[in-house]
Amino acid sequence: MDKPVPIAIDDVVKRIQDLPSLSTVVLELLASMEQEDVDLQVLAAKISLDQSLAAKTLRLANSSFYGMSTKVTTIHQAISILGFHHIRTLVTACAVTGSFTETTGGGFDFRAFWRHSVGTAVCARQLAPHLKCSPDIAFTVGLLHDIGALVLATRFPQRYEEMLAYRRAHDCYVVEAEQAVFGIDHALVGSALAAYWKFPASMQSAVAGHHQQPDPNQGALGLLVHAADILAHALDLSGLEDELAPPLDLDSWNALGLSEADSTALFAQSEAIFQDMCQILVN
């Protein structure tokens, strides 16, 4: 069999531009991840105009994710109680998970994909305090770290089927099969999409490098997402029978600074919160 012709990243970027665009308010939120000066009243009004987005956001605000003692019934109330950063995270999660419609063909398991993405997001949020990272930025990058796989699966479905066949035949990691069949991998494609959506540079870098051993000079976010992805695989949160959990190198594990008690608590908390999140974002 002839070796597949590699797909140029420029061709992928063109396909990215054909994707359904996120709403203006979500793009504003993504671009503002490292900003503080946002008009909260204007933001609440914009979110409230999208009834489906607002309803899903409020369901998340009232879930065990935040453990609210009183029920939140409006976006304005949610912002005032939870704060802008938390609401930005929830709105982004709700919007992005609803932006890609399921397609037939390509052999792509949308439900497993989003389960793993939510699992990584939850693990990233639980790890964030240990690395002095923003829990909300950690959650968002964790949720979107594999978004490039959605681009490959929905824009190049036939090639994606070939990639899955290669993975089964060689019993290898998806990223290895992607590099063999596409000539690029979903991490690189995801970073291109993150750039197109105008993510802050630190988030683009974390998406691009989440399968590589983190560079300590690149900041803690890359390590956090790299570790959260591996933990989500290890906890088998996607539900796939052939889940492969990549190893976490010793330097990265030591950099997390987790005691045995920390690890046990993190796993238990992540699994509990994950179930609640999936009921809203995935099921």
C-alpha atoms as a PDB file:
ATOM      1  CA  MET A   1       0.000   0.000   0.000  1.00  0.00           C
ATOM      2  CA  ASP A   2       1.304   3.432  -0.935  1.00  0.00           C
ATOM      3  CA  LYS A   3       2.139   5.778   1.908  1.00  0.00           C
ATOM      4  CA  PRO A   4      -0.605   8.430   2.304  1.00  0.00           C
ATOM      5  CA  VAL A   5       0.220  11.925   1.106  1.00  0.00           C
ATOM      6  CA  PRO A   6       0.625  14.194   4.172  1.00  0.00           C
ATOM      7  CA  ILE A   7      -2.043  16.854   4.664  1.00  0.00           C
ATOM      8  CA  ALA A   8      -0.596  20.358   4.825  1.00  0.00           C
ATOM      9  CA  ILE A   9      -1.538  22.453   7.838  1.00  0.00           C
ATOM     10  CA  ASP A  10      -2.597  25.203   5.394  1.00  0.00           C
ATOM     11  CA  ASP A  11      -5.243  22.832   3.989  1.00  0.00           C
ATOM     12  CA  VAL A  12      -6.446  22.121   7.514  1.00  0.00           C
ATOM     13  CA  VAL A  13      -6.710  25.841   8.254  1.00  0.00           C
ATOM     14  CA  LYS A  14      -8.884  26.280   5.155  1.00  0.00           C
ATOM     15  CA  ARG A  15     -11.197  23.547   6.427  1.00  0.00           C
ATOM     16  CA  ILE A  16     -11.253  25.185   9.861  1.00  0.00           C
ATOM     17  CA  GLN A  17     -12.616  28.335   8.250  1.00  0.00           C
ATOM     18  CA  ASP A  18     -15.536  26.249   6.930  1.00  0.00           C
ATOM     19  CA  LEU A  19     -16.511  25.121  10.425  1.00  0.00           C
ATOM     20  CA  PRO A  20     -19.650  26.513  12.033  1.00  0.00           C
ATOM     21  CA  SER A  21     -18.563  29.695  13.763  1.00  0.00           C
ATOM     22  CA  LEU A  22     -18.993  30.157  17.490  1.00  0.00           C
ATOM     23  CA  SER A  23     -21.302  32.916  18.620  1.00  0.00           C
ATOM     24  CA  THR A  24     -19.856  36.394  19.033  1.00  0.00           C
ATOM     25  CA  VAL A  25     -20.267  36.301  22.800  1.00  0.00           C
ATOM     26  CA  VAL A  26     -18.313  33.014  23.073  1.00  0.00           C
ATOM     27  CA  LEU A  27     -15.501  34.324  20.860  1.00  0.00           C
ATOM     28  CA  GLU A  28     -15.359  37.401  23.083  1.00  0.00           C
ATOM     29  CA  LEU A  29     -15.129  35.163  26.144  1.00  0.00           C
ATOM     30  CA  LEU A  30     -12.344  33.028  24.661  1.00  0.00           C
ATOM     31  CA  ALA A  31     -10.348  36.104  23.662  1.00  0.00           C
ATOM     32  CA  SER A  32     -10.784  37.568  27.155  1.00  0.00           C
ATOM     33  CA  MET A  33      -9.385  34.561  29.062  1.00  0.00           C
ATOM     34  CA  GLU A  34      -6.475  36.601  30.392  1.00  0.00           C
ATOM     35  CA  GLN A  35      -8.381  39.881  30.736  1.00  0.00           C
ATOM     36  CA  GLU A  36     -10.203  41.358  33.700  1.00  0.00           C
ATOM     37  CA  ASP A  37     -11.927  44.448  32.227  1.00  0.00           C
ATOM     38  CA  VAL A  38     -15.202  42.994  30.969  1.00  0.00           C
ATOM     39  CA  ASP A  39     -18.595  44.689  31.301  1.00  0.00           C
ATOM     40  CA  LEU A  40     -20.496  42.051  33.278  1.00  0.00           C
ATOM     41  CA  GLN A  41     -23.930  43.551  32.673  1.00  0.00           C
ATOM     42  CA  VAL A  42     -23.406  43.542  28.911  1.00  0.00           C
ATOM     43  CA  LEU A  43     -22.056  39.998  29.082  1.00  0.00           C
ATOM     44  CA  ALA A  44     -25.053  38.735  31.069  1.00  0.00           C
ATOM     45  CA  ALA A  45     -27.448  40.347  28.620  1.00  0.00           C
ATOM     46  CA  LYS A  46     -25.698  38.734  25.630  1.00  0.00           C
ATOM     47  CA  ILE A  47     -25.694  35.273  27.193  1.00  0.00           C
ATOM     48  CA  SER A  48     -29.347  35.580  28.187  1.00  0.00           C
ATOM     49  CA  LEU A  49     -30.337  36.250  24.559  1.00  0.00           C
ATOM     50  CA  ASP A  50     -29.307  32.690  23.657  1.00  0.00           C
ATOM     51  CA  GLN A  51     -31.957  30.749  25.560  1.00  0.00           C
ATOM     52  CA  SER A  52     -30.445  27.298  24.956  1.00  0.00           C
ATOM     53  CA  LEU A  53     -26.965  28.440  25.995  1.00  0.00           C
ATOM     54  CA  ALA A  54     -28.298  30.260  29.048  1.00  0.00           C
ATOM     55  CA  ALA A  55     -30.382  27.261  30.168  1.00  0.00           C
ATOM     56  CA  LYS A  56     -27.447  24.842  29.907  1.00  0.00           C
ATOM     57  CA  THR A  57     -25.165  27.301  31.699  1.00  0.00           C
ATOM     58  CA  LEU A  58     -27.608  27.589  34.588  1.00  0.00           C
ATOM     59  CA  ARG A  59     -27.875  23.796  34.842  1.00  0.00           C
ATOM     60  CA  LEU A  60     -24.097  23.639  35.204  1.00  0.00           C
ATOM     61  CA  ALA A  61     -24.066  26.484  37.718  1.00  0.00           C
ATOM     62  CA  ASN A  62     -26.502  24.496  39.874  1.00  0.00           C
ATOM     63  CA  SER A  63     -24.636  21.185  39.527  1.00  0.00           C
ATOM     64  CA  SER A  64     -22.233  19.587  42.025  1.00  0.00           C
ATOM     65  CA  PHE A  65     -19.435  21.253  40.072  1.00  0.00           C
ATOM     66  CA  TYR A  66     -19.920  24.291  42.296  1.00  0.00           C
ATOM     67  CA  GLY A  67     -22.006  22.874  45.155  1.00  0.00           C
ATOM     68  CA  MET A  68     -24.301  25.901  45.397  1.00  0.00           C
ATOM     69  CA  SER A  69     -26.418  26.143  48.551  1.00  0.00           C
ATOM     70  CA  THR A  70     -29.132  28.184  46.799  1.00  0.00           C
ATOM     71  CA  LYS A  71     -30.540  27.718  43.304  1.00  0.00           C
ATOM     72  CA  VAL A  72     -29.376  30.165  40.637  1.00  0.00           C
ATOM     73  CA  THR A  73     -32.169  31.149  38.255  1.00  0.00           C
ATOM     74  CA  THR A  74     -30.730  33.914  36.031  1.00  0.00           C
ATOM     75  CA  ILE A  75     -27.410  34.608  34.311  1.00  0.00           C
ATOM     76  CA  HIS A  76     -27.135  37.934  36.174  1.00  0.00           C
ATOM     77  CA  GLN A  77     -27.552  36.088  39.479  1.00  0.00           C
ATOM     78  CA  ALA A  78     -25.053  33.411  38.433  1.00  0.00           C
ATOM     79  CA  ILE A  79     -22.417  36.037  37.617  1.00  0.00           C
ATOM     80  CA  SER A  80     -22.995  37.870  40.891  1.00  0.00           C
ATOM     81  CA  ILE A  81     -22.706  34.662  42.963  1.00  0.00           C
ATOM     82  CA  LEU A  82     -20.125  32.623  41.040  1.00  0.00           C
ATOM     83  CA  GLY A  83     -18.201  35.483  39.462  1.00  0.00           C
ATOM     84  CA  PHE A  84     -17.249  36.296  35.903  1.00  0.00           C
ATOM     85  CA  HIS A  85     -14.435  33.736  35.591  1.00  0.00           C
ATOM     86  CA  HIS A  86     -16.626  30.772  36.498  1.00  0.00           C
ATOM     87  CA  ILE A  87     -19.464  31.863  34.224  1.00  0.00           C
ATOM     88  CA  ARG A  88     -17.060  32.426  31.338  1.00  0.00           C
ATOM     89  CA  THR A  89     -15.871  28.831  31.782  1.00  0.00           C
ATOM     90  CA  LEU A  90     -19.387  27.408  31.875  1.00  0.00           C
ATOM     91  CA  VAL A  91     -20.641  29.378  28.878  1.00  0.00           C
ATOM     92  CA  THR A  92     -17.603  28.383  26.827  1.00  0.00           C
ATOM     93  CA  ALA A  93     -18.058  24.720  27.763  1.00  0.00           C
ATOM     94  CA  CYS A  94     -21.731  24.748  26.835  1.00  0.00           C
ATOM     95  CA  ALA A  95     -21.165  26.572  23.553  1.00  0.00           C
ATOM     96  CA  VAL A  96     -18.210  24.530  22.301  1.00  0.00           C
ATOM     97  CA  THR A  97     -19.693  21.126  23.142  1.00  0.00           C
ATOM     98  CA  GLY A  98     -22.788  22.110  21.174  1.00  0.00           C
ATOM     99  CA  SER A  99     -20.972  23.616  18.187  1.00  0.00           C
ATOM    100  CA  PHE A 100     -20.003  20.398  16.371  1.00  0.00           C
ATOM    101  CA  THR A 101     -22.903  18.362  15.038  1.00  0.00           C
ATOM    102  CA  GLU A 102     -22.506  14.601  14.914  1.00  0.00           C
ATOM    103  CA  THR A 103     -21.898  13.193  11.445  1.00  0.00           C
ATOM    104  CA  THR A 104     -22.050   9.669  10.086  1.00  0.00           C
ATOM    105  CA  GLY A 105     -18.947   8.097   8.617  1.00  0.00           C
ATOM    106  CA  GLY A 106     -15.345   8.433   9.704  1.00  0.00           C
ATOM    107  CA  GLY A 107     -15.808   6.012  12.582  1.00  0.00           C
ATOM    108  CA  PHE A 108     -15.549   8.862  15.083  1.00  0.00           C
ATOM    109  CA  ASP A 109     -17.166   8.282  18.492  1.00  0.00           C
ATOM    110  CA  PHE A 110     -18.497  11.721  19.448  1.00  0.00           C
ATOM    111  CA  ARG A 111     -19.773  10.631  22.834  1.00  0.00           C
ATOM    112  CA  ALA A 112     -16.448   9.053  23.850  1.00  0.00           C
ATOM    113  CA  PHE A 113     -14.611  12.135  22.566  1.00  0.00           C
ATOM    114  CA  TRP A 114     -16.621  14.553  24.680  1.00  0.00           C
ATOM    115  CA  ARG A 115     -16.519  12.263  27.718  1.00  0.00           C
ATOM    116  CA  HIS A 116     -12.721  12.257  27.564  1.00  0.00           C
ATOM    117  CA  SER A 117     -12.639  16.018  26.946  1.00  0.00           C
ATOM    118  CA  VAL A 118     -14.892  16.725  29.943  1.00  0.00           C
ATOM    119  CA  GLY A 119     -12.854  14.285  32.031  1.00  0.00           C
ATOM    120  CA  THR A 120      -9.621  16.057  31.121  1.00  0.00           C
ATOM    121  CA  ALA A 121     -11.228  19.417  31.908  1.00  0.00           C
ATOM    122  CA  VAL A 122     -12.328  18.235  35.337  1.00  0.00           C
ATOM    123  CA  CYS A 123      -8.909  16.705  36.116  1.00  0.00           C
ATOM    124  CA  ALA A 124      -7.216  19.910  34.953  1.00  0.00           C
ATOM    125  CA  ARG A 125      -9.422  22.011  37.213  1.00  0.00           C
ATOM    126  CA  GLN A 126      -8.636  19.758  40.195  1.00  0.00           C
ATOM    127  CA  LEU A 127      -4.892  19.928  39.466  1.00  0.00           C
ATOM    128  CA  ALA A 128      -4.826  23.700  38.953  1.00  0.00           C
ATOM    129  CA  PRO A 129      -4.377  24.743  42.625  1.00  0.00           C
ATOM    130  CA  HIS A 130      -1.339  22.450  42.936  1.00  0.00           C
ATOM    131  CA  LEU A 131       0.363  24.291  40.060  1.00  0.00           C
ATOM    132  CA  LYS A 132      -0.925  27.761  40.955  1.00  0.00           C
ATOM    133  CA  CYS A 133      -2.915  27.985  37.700  1.00  0.00           C
ATOM    134  CA  SER A 134      -6.340  29.509  37.145  1.00  0.00           C
ATOM    135  CA  PRO A 135      -8.872  26.676  37.601  1.00  0.00           C
ATOM    136  CA  ASP A 136     -11.119  28.214  34.948  1.00  0.00           C
ATOM    137  CA  ILE A 137      -8.408  28.517  32.304  1.00  0.00           C
ATOM    138  CA  ALA A 138      -7.277  24.987  33.194  1.00  0.00           C
ATOM    139  CA  PHE A 139     -10.811  23.661  32.716  1.00  0.00           C
ATOM    140  CA  THR A 140     -11.268  25.434  29.383  1.00  0.00           C
ATOM    141  CA  VAL A 141      -7.972  24.231  27.912  1.00  0.00           C
ATOM    142  CA  GLY A 142      -8.622  20.736  29.233  1.00  0.00           C
ATOM    143  CA  LEU A 143     -12.006  20.705  27.543  1.00  0.00           C
ATOM    144  CA  LEU A 144     -10.566  21.885  24.220  1.00  0.00           C
ATOM    145  CA  HIS A 145      -7.202  20.082  24.209  1.00  0.00           C
ATOM    146  CA  ASP A 146      -8.334  17.430  21.687  1.00  0.00           C
ATOM    147  CA  ILE A 147     -10.493  19.719  19.540  1.00  0.00           C
ATOM    148  CA  GLY A 148      -8.177  19.096  16.569  1.00  0.00           C
ATOM    149  CA  ALA A 149      -9.408  15.494  16.447  1.00  0.00           C
ATOM    150  CA  LEU A 150     -12.906  16.809  15.733  1.00  0.00           C
ATOM    151  CA  VAL A 151     -11.544  18.827  12.817  1.00  0.00           C
ATOM    152  CA  LEU A 152      -9.761  15.814  11.334  1.00  0.00           C
ATOM    153  CA  ALA A 153     -12.757  13.516  11.831  1.00  0.00           C
ATOM    154  CA  THR A 154     -15.387  15.885  10.418  1.00  0.00           C
ATOM    155  CA  ARG A 155     -13.338  17.514   7.631  1.00  0.00           C
ATOM    156  CA  PHE A 156     -11.393  14.435   6.461  1.00  0.00           C
ATOM    157  CA  PRO A 157     -13.701  11.482   7.312  1.00  0.00           C
ATOM    158  CA  GLN A 158     -12.267   8.952   4.834  1.00  0.00           C
ATOM    159  CA  ARG A 159      -8.682   9.634   5.893  1.00  0.00           C
ATOM    160  CA  TYR A 160      -9.830   9.443   9.525  1.00  0.00           C
ATOM    161  CA  GLU A 161     -11.220   5.924   8.926  1.00  0.00           C
ATOM    162  CA  GLU A 162      -7.832   4.967   7.458  1.00  0.00           C
ATOM    163  CA  MET A 163      -6.162   6.348  10.569  1.00  0.00           C
ATOM    164  CA  LEU A 164      -8.379   4.249  12.859  1.00  0.00           C
ATOM    165  CA  ALA A 165      -7.632   1.141  10.779  1.00  0.00           C
ATOM    166  CA  TYR A 166      -3.902   1.894  11.074  1.00  0.00           C
ATOM    167  CA  ARG A 167      -4.225   2.254  14.840  1.00  0.00           C
ATOM    168  CA  ARG A 168      -6.010  -1.094  15.166  1.00  0.00           C
ATOM    169  CA  ALA A 169      -3.461  -2.833  12.949  1.00  0.00           C
ATOM    170  CA  HIS A 170      -0.469  -1.406  14.818  1.00  0.00           C
ATOM    171  CA  ASP A 171      -1.997  -1.220  18.341  1.00  0.00           C
ATOM    172  CA  CYS A 172      -0.555   2.265  18.783  1.00  0.00           C
ATOM    173  CA  TYR A 173      -1.636   5.587  20.223  1.00  0.00           C
ATOM    174  CA  VAL A 174      -3.983   7.745  18.147  1.00  0.00           C
ATOM    175  CA  VAL A 175      -1.382  10.500  17.801  1.00  0.00           C
ATOM    176  CA  GLU A 176       1.069   8.006  16.273  1.00  0.00           C
ATOM    177  CA  ALA A 177      -1.553   6.756  13.818  1.00  0.00           C
ATOM    178  CA  GLU A 178      -2.460  10.346  12.874  1.00  0.00           C
ATOM    179  CA  GLN A 179       1.149  11.191  12.121  1.00  0.00           C
ATOM    180  CA  ALA A 180       1.469   8.052   9.973  1.00  0.00           C
ATOM    181  CA  VAL A 181      -1.743   8.613   7.979  1.00  0.00           C
ATOM    182  CA  PHE A 182      -2.264  12.407   8.004  1.00  0.00           C
ATOM    183  CA  GLY A 183       1.335  13.529   8.356  1.00  0.00           C
ATOM    184  CA  ILE A 184       0.164  15.795  11.205  1.00  0.00           C
ATOM    185  CA  ASP A 185      -1.626  15.162  14.491  1.00  0.00           C
ATOM    186  CA  HIS A 186      -4.660  16.533  16.285  1.00  0.00           C
ATOM    187  CA  ALA A 187      -2.560  18.578  18.722  1.00  0.00           C
ATOM    188  CA  LEU A 188      -1.116  20.666  15.875  1.00  0.00           C
ATOM    189  CA  VAL A 189      -4.556  21.001  14.267  1.00  0.00           C
ATOM    190  CA  GLY A 190      -6.073  21.978  17.617  1.00  0.00           C
ATOM    191  CA  SER A 191      -3.514  24.730  18.100  1.00  0.00           C
ATOM    192  CA  ALA A 192      -4.363  26.055  14.619  1.00  0.00           C
ATOM    193  CA  LEU A 193      -8.046  26.138  15.590  1.00  0.00           C
ATOM    194  CA  ALA A 194      -7.157  27.815  18.896  1.00  0.00           C
ATOM    195  CA  ALA A 195      -5.268  30.490  16.947  1.00  0.00           C
ATOM    196  CA  TYR A 196      -8.224  30.934  14.585  1.00  0.00           C
ATOM    197  CA  TRP A 197     -10.512  31.384  17.605  1.00  0.00           C
ATOM    198  CA  LYS A 198      -7.961  33.893  19.009  1.00  0.00           C
ATOM    199  CA  PHE A 199      -7.127  31.991  22.186  1.00  0.00           C
ATOM    200  CA  PRO A 200      -4.393  33.563  24.315  1.00  0.00           C
ATOM    201  CA  ALA A 201      -0.940  32.324  23.289  1.00  0.00           C
ATOM    202  CA  SER A 202      -0.468  30.292  26.483  1.00  0.00           C
ATOM    203  CA  MET A 203      -3.615  28.282  25.711  1.00  0.00           C
ATOM    204  CA  GLN A 204      -2.591  27.712  22.092  1.00  0.00           C
ATOM    205  CA  SER A 205       0.770  26.403  23.300  1.00  0.00           C
ATOM    206  CA  ALA A 206      -0.823  24.066  25.873  1.00  0.00           C
ATOM    207  CA  VAL A 207      -3.105  22.562  23.211  1.00  0.00           C
ATOM    208  CA  ALA A 208      -0.207  22.138  20.775  1.00  0.00           C
ATOM    209  CA  GLY A 209       2.046  20.369  23.257  1.00  0.00           C
ATOM    210  CA  HIS A 210      -0.305  18.234  25.319  1.00  0.00           C
ATOM    211  CA  HIS A 211       1.193  14.953  23.998  1.00  0.00           C
ATOM    212  CA  GLN A 212       4.789  16.044  24.516  1.00  0.00           C
ATOM    213  CA  GLN A 213       6.882  16.020  27.674  1.00  0.00           C
ATOM    214  CA  PRO A 214       6.307  19.546  29.026  1.00  0.00           C
ATOM    215  CA  ASP A 215       9.005  22.164  28.765  1.00  0.00           C
ATOM    216  CA  PRO A 216       9.409  23.726  32.244  1.00  0.00           C
ATOM    217  CA  ASN A 217      10.226  27.045  30.578  1.00  0.00           C
ATOM    218  CA  GLN A 218       6.775  27.159  28.910  1.00  0.00           C
ATOM    219  CA  GLY A 219       4.866  27.682  32.168  1.00  0.00           C
ATOM    220  CA  ALA A 220       2.656  25.417  34.258  1.00  0.00           C
ATOM    221  CA  LEU A 221      -0.375  25.290  31.951  1.00  0.00           C
ATOM    222  CA  GLY A 222       1.307  22.909  29.489  1.00  0.00           C
ATOM    223  CA  LEU A 223       2.252  20.490  32.281  1.00  0.00           C
ATOM    224  CA  LEU A 224      -1.220  20.709  33.762  1.00  0.00           C
ATOM    225  CA  VAL A 225      -3.045  19.824  30.534  1.00  0.00           C
ATOM    226  CA  HIS A 226      -0.510  17.116  29.661  1.00  0.00           C
ATOM    227  CA  ALA A 227      -1.020  15.470  33.072  1.00  0.00           C
ATOM    228  CA  ALA A 228      -4.809  15.925  33.088  1.00  0.00           C
ATOM    229  CA  ASP A 229      -5.097  14.242  29.680  1.00  0.00           C
ATOM    230  CA  ILE A 230      -3.117  11.234  30.927  1.00  0.00           C
ATOM    231  CA  LEU A 231      -5.122  11.034  34.167  1.00  0.00           C
ATOM    232  CA  ALA A 232      -8.411  11.115  32.261  1.00  0.00           C
ATOM    233  CA  HIS A 233      -7.170   8.237  30.082  1.00  0.00           C
ATOM    234  CA  ALA A 234      -5.992   6.328  33.174  1.00  0.00           C
ATOM    235  CA  LEU A 235      -9.419   6.747  34.820  1.00  0.00           C
ATOM    236  CA  ASP A 236     -11.027   5.418  31.596  1.00  0.00           C
ATOM    237  CA  LEU A 237     -13.488   8.300  31.512  1.00  0.00           C
ATOM    238  CA  SER A 238     -14.186   8.051  27.774  1.00  0.00           C
ATOM    239  CA  GLY A 239     -15.748   4.627  28.199  1.00  0.00           C
ATOM    240  CA  LEU A 240     -13.845   3.175  25.218  1.00  0.00           C
ATOM    241  CA  GLU A 241     -12.908  -0.505  25.525  1.00  0.00           C
ATOM    242  CA  ASP A 242      -9.534  -0.030  23.809  1.00  0.00           C
ATOM    243  CA  GLU A 243      -8.475   3.002  25.857  1.00  0.00           C
ATOM    244  CA  LEU A 244      -4.694   3.390  26.012  1.00  0.00           C
ATOM    245  CA  ALA A 245      -3.262   5.470  28.856  1.00  0.00           C
ATOM    246  CA  PRO A 246       0.072   7.100  27.973  1.00  0.00           C
ATOM    247  CA  PRO A 247       2.682   7.035  30.737  1.00  0.00           C
ATOM    248  CA  LEU A 248       3.353  10.150  32.796  1.00  0.00           C
ATOM    249  CA  ASP A 249       7.107  10.671  33.015  1.00  0.00           C
ATOM    250  CA  LEU A 250       8.684  10.918  36.450  1.00  0.00           C
ATOM    251  CA  ASP A 251       9.774  14.562  36.059  1.00  0.00           C
ATOM    252  CA  SER A 252       6.201  15.624  35.237  1.00  0.00           C
ATOM    253  CA  TRP A 253       4.783  13.610  38.133  1.00  0.00           C
ATOM    254  CA  ASN A 254       7.257  15.145  40.570  1.00  0.00           C
ATOM    255  CA  ALA A 255       6.491  18.631  39.217  1.00  0.00           C
ATOM    256  CA  LEU A 256       2.822  18.147  40.155  1.00  0.00           C
ATOM    257  CA  GLY A 257       3.855  17.885  43.800  1.00  0.00           C
ATOM    258  CA  LEU A 258       1.034  15.506  44.722  1.00  0.00           C
ATOM    259  CA  SER A 259       1.176  13.474  47.912  1.00  0.00           C
ATOM    260  CA  GLU A 260      -0.495  10.059  48.048  1.00  0.00           C
ATOM    261  CA  ALA A 261      -3.426  11.626  49.893  1.00  0.00           C
ATOM    262  CA  ASP A 262      -3.648  14.407  47.274  1.00  0.00           C
ATOM    263  CA  SER A 263      -3.748  11.840  44.482  1.00  0.00           C
ATOM    264  CA  THR A 264      -6.461   9.742  46.116  1.00  0.00           C
ATOM    265  CA  ALA A 265      -8.624  12.807  46.761  1.00  0.00           C
ATOM    266  CA  LEU A 266      -8.066  14.189  43.259  1.00  0.00           C
ATOM    267  CA  PHE A 267      -9.111  10.922  41.591  1.00  0.00           C
ATOM    268  CA  ALA A 268     -12.227  10.569  43.739  1.00  0.00           C
ATOM    269  CA  GLN A 269     -13.304  14.203  43.298  1.00  0.00           C
ATOM    270  CA  SER A 270     -12.652  14.151  39.549  1.00  0.00           C
ATOM    271  CA  GLU A 271     -14.756  11.020  39.016  1.00  0.00           C
ATOM    272  CA  ALA A 272     -17.652  12.387  41.092  1.00  0.00           C
ATOM    273  CA  ILE A 273     -17.745  15.787  39.378  1.00  0.00           C
ATOM    274  CA  PHE A 274     -17.230  14.176  35.963  1.00  0.00           C
ATOM    275  CA  GLN A 275     -20.483  12.229  36.151  1.00  0.00           C
ATOM    276  CA  ASP A 276     -22.492  15.371  36.898  1.00  0.00           C
ATOM    277  CA  MET A 277     -20.802  17.358  34.151  1.00  0.00           C
ATOM    278  CA  CYS A 278     -21.344  14.655  31.546  1.00  0.00           C
ATOM    279  CA  GLN A 279     -25.063  14.466  32.233  1.00  0.00           C
ATOM    280  CA  ILE A 280     -25.334  18.111  31.167  1.00  0.00           C
ATOM    281  CA  LEU A 281     -22.646  18.502  28.505  1.00  0.00           C
ATOM    282  CA  VAL A 282     -22.592  15.081  26.835  1.00  0.00           C
ATOM    283  CA  ASN A 283     -25.770  13.049  27.416  1.00  0.00           C
END
